[in-house]
Amino acid sequence: MATVVDIGSLIVHSPEVRGGRPRIAGTGVTVRRIAGWYKLGLTPEEIADEIGHLSLAQVHAALAYYHANRSEIEADLAAEEAAESGR
């Protein structure tokens, strides 16, 4: 029988990792990073290929989190862009 994965366990927050930003469990890959590539036009399959250690399910979980919490992630993306333009 196949192992069932609770999708709620795929995204985590830890204050000591990536500043507490939501990220894919067991990795340092943030939802913000996945959302940024998605907004650039990459498909979930292309993102999973780009970050070879992520499964397609993990990418979809990050995108589901992004869509469910769009204002939080968009604010984080905007802050990152502002910080980069101020360098």
C-alpha atoms as a PDB file:
ATOM      1  CA  MET A   1       0.000   0.000   0.000  1.00  0.00           C
ATOM      2  CA  ALA A   2       1.253   3.483  -0.858  1.00  0.00           C
ATOM      3  CA  THR A   3       2.272   5.864   1.902  1.00  0.00           C
ATOM      4  CA  VAL A   4      -0.237   8.665   2.434  1.00  0.00           C
ATOM      5  CA  VAL A   5       1.277  12.109   2.950  1.00  0.00           C
ATOM      6  CA  ASP A   6      -0.572  14.709   5.005  1.00  0.00           C
ATOM      7  CA  ILE A   7      -0.181  17.770   2.791  1.00  0.00           C
ATOM      8  CA  GLY A   8      -0.434  19.950   5.882  1.00  0.00           C
ATOM      9  CA  SER A   9       2.979  18.645   6.897  1.00  0.00           C
ATOM     10  CA  LEU A  10       4.701  19.788   3.688  1.00  0.00           C
ATOM     11  CA  ILE A  11       5.006  23.483   4.624  1.00  0.00           C
ATOM     12  CA  VAL A  12       6.585  24.572   7.914  1.00  0.00           C
ATOM     13  CA  HIS A  13       7.650  27.741   9.746  1.00  0.00           C
ATOM     14  CA  SER A  14      10.695  27.809  12.020  1.00  0.00           C
ATOM     15  CA  PRO A  15      11.962  31.098  13.461  1.00  0.00           C
ATOM     16  CA  GLU A  16      15.556  29.864  13.266  1.00  0.00           C
ATOM     17  CA  VAL A  17      15.367  28.911   9.565  1.00  0.00           C
ATOM     18  CA  ARG A  18      14.953  31.486   6.779  1.00  0.00           C
ATOM     19  CA  GLY A  19      13.725  34.107   9.218  1.00  0.00           C
ATOM     20  CA  GLY A  20      10.577  32.136   9.955  1.00  0.00           C
ATOM     21  CA  ARG A  21       9.329  32.346   6.381  1.00  0.00           C
ATOM     22  CA  PRO A  22       7.129  29.453   5.257  1.00  0.00           C
ATOM     23  CA  ARG A  23       9.256  26.812   3.582  1.00  0.00           C
ATOM     24  CA  ILE A  24       9.057  23.284   2.292  1.00  0.00           C
ATOM     25  CA  ALA A  25       9.584  20.899   5.201  1.00  0.00           C
ATOM     26  CA  GLY A  26      13.032  19.343   5.378  1.00  0.00           C
ATOM     27  CA  THR A  27      14.521  21.960   3.063  1.00  0.00           C
ATOM     28  CA  GLY A  28      15.549  25.583   3.085  1.00  0.00           C
ATOM     29  CA  VAL A  29      13.415  26.327   0.038  1.00  0.00           C
ATOM     30  CA  THR A  30      10.904  29.046   0.856  1.00  0.00           C
ATOM     31  CA  VAL A  31       7.412  29.427  -0.521  1.00  0.00           C
ATOM     32  CA  ARG A  32       8.542  32.908  -1.615  1.00  0.00           C
ATOM     33  CA  ARG A  33      11.203  31.367  -3.851  1.00  0.00           C
ATOM     34  CA  ILE A  34       8.730  28.957  -5.461  1.00  0.00           C
ATOM     35  CA  ALA A  35       6.148  31.738  -5.892  1.00  0.00           C
ATOM     36  CA  GLY A  36       8.739  34.014  -7.476  1.00  0.00           C
ATOM     37  CA  TRP A  37       9.635  31.441 -10.115  1.00  0.00           C
ATOM     38  CA  TYR A  38       5.960  30.679 -10.692  1.00  0.00           C
ATOM     39  CA  LYS A  39       5.284  34.380 -11.256  1.00  0.00           C
ATOM     40  CA  LEU A  40       8.123  34.427 -13.804  1.00  0.00           C
ATOM     41  CA  GLY A  41       6.168  31.857 -15.799  1.00  0.00           C
ATOM     42  CA  LEU A  42       7.793  28.579 -14.766  1.00  0.00           C
ATOM     43  CA  THR A  43       5.439  25.623 -14.485  1.00  0.00           C
ATOM     44  CA  PRO A  44       5.432  23.478 -11.343  1.00  0.00           C
ATOM     45  CA  GLU A  45       7.209  20.756 -13.351  1.00  0.00           C
ATOM     46  CA  GLU A  46       9.930  23.206 -14.427  1.00  0.00           C
ATOM     47  CA  ILE A  47      10.387  24.390 -10.842  1.00  0.00           C
ATOM     48  CA  ALA A  48      10.725  20.796  -9.606  1.00  0.00           C
ATOM     49  CA  ASP A  49      13.274  20.140 -12.361  1.00  0.00           C
ATOM     50  CA  GLU A  50      15.181  23.329 -11.477  1.00  0.00           C
ATOM     51  CA  ILE A  51      15.384  22.354  -7.794  1.00  0.00           C
ATOM     52  CA  GLY A  52      16.128  18.686  -8.300  1.00  0.00           C
ATOM     53  CA  HIS A  53      15.686  17.584  -4.686  1.00  0.00           C
ATOM     54  CA  LEU A  54      12.040  18.752  -4.590  1.00  0.00           C
ATOM     55  CA  SER A  55       9.152  16.563  -5.624  1.00  0.00           C
ATOM     56  CA  LEU A  56       6.315  17.870  -7.730  1.00  0.00           C
ATOM     57  CA  ALA A  57       4.052  17.395  -4.692  1.00  0.00           C
ATOM     58  CA  GLN A  58       6.283  19.710  -2.641  1.00  0.00           C
ATOM     59  CA  VAL A  59       6.162  22.382  -5.348  1.00  0.00           C
ATOM     60  CA  HIS A  60       2.378  22.112  -5.562  1.00  0.00           C
ATOM     61  CA  ALA A  61       2.140  22.372  -1.764  1.00  0.00           C
ATOM     62  CA  ALA A  62       4.194  25.566  -1.855  1.00  0.00           C
ATOM     63  CA  LEU A  63       1.988  26.958  -4.615  1.00  0.00           C
ATOM     64  CA  ALA A  64      -1.154  25.999  -2.695  1.00  0.00           C
ATOM     65  CA  TYR A  65       0.228  27.864   0.329  1.00  0.00           C
ATOM     66  CA  TYR A  66       1.030  30.847  -1.892  1.00  0.00           C
ATOM     67  CA  HIS A  67      -2.468  30.971  -3.360  1.00  0.00           C
ATOM     68  CA  ALA A  68      -4.100  30.558   0.069  1.00  0.00           C
ATOM     69  CA  ASN A  69      -1.860  33.252   1.622  1.00  0.00           C
ATOM     70  CA  ARG A  70      -1.193  35.473  -1.356  1.00  0.00           C
ATOM     71  CA  SER A  71      -1.066  38.794   0.543  1.00  0.00           C
ATOM     72  CA  GLU A  72       1.575  37.463   2.970  1.00  0.00           C
ATOM     73  CA  ILE A  73       3.808  36.110   0.199  1.00  0.00           C
ATOM     74  CA  GLU A  74       3.294  39.121  -2.100  1.00  0.00           C
ATOM     75  CA  ALA A  75       4.323  41.462   0.738  1.00  0.00           C
ATOM     76  CA  ASP A  76       7.440  39.351   1.313  1.00  0.00           C
ATOM     77  CA  LEU A  77       8.271  39.416  -2.410  1.00  0.00           C
ATOM     78  CA  ALA A  78       7.777  43.200  -2.527  1.00  0.00           C
ATOM     79  CA  ALA A  79      10.050  43.684   0.493  1.00  0.00           C
ATOM     80  CA  GLU A  80      12.711  41.540  -1.151  1.00  0.00           C
ATOM     81  CA  GLU A  81      12.493  43.540  -4.389  1.00  0.00           C
ATOM     82  CA  ALA A  82      12.718  46.826  -2.472  1.00  0.00           C
ATOM     83  CA  ALA A  83      15.770  45.599  -0.570  1.00  0.00           C
ATOM     84  CA  GLU A  84      17.458  44.510  -3.786  1.00  0.00           C
ATOM     85  CA  SER A  85      16.758  47.800  -5.566  1.00  0.00           C
ATOM     86  CA  GLY A  86      18.157  49.717  -2.592  1.00  0.00           C
ATOM     87  CA  ARG A  87      21.533  48.000  -2.772  1.00  0.00           C
END
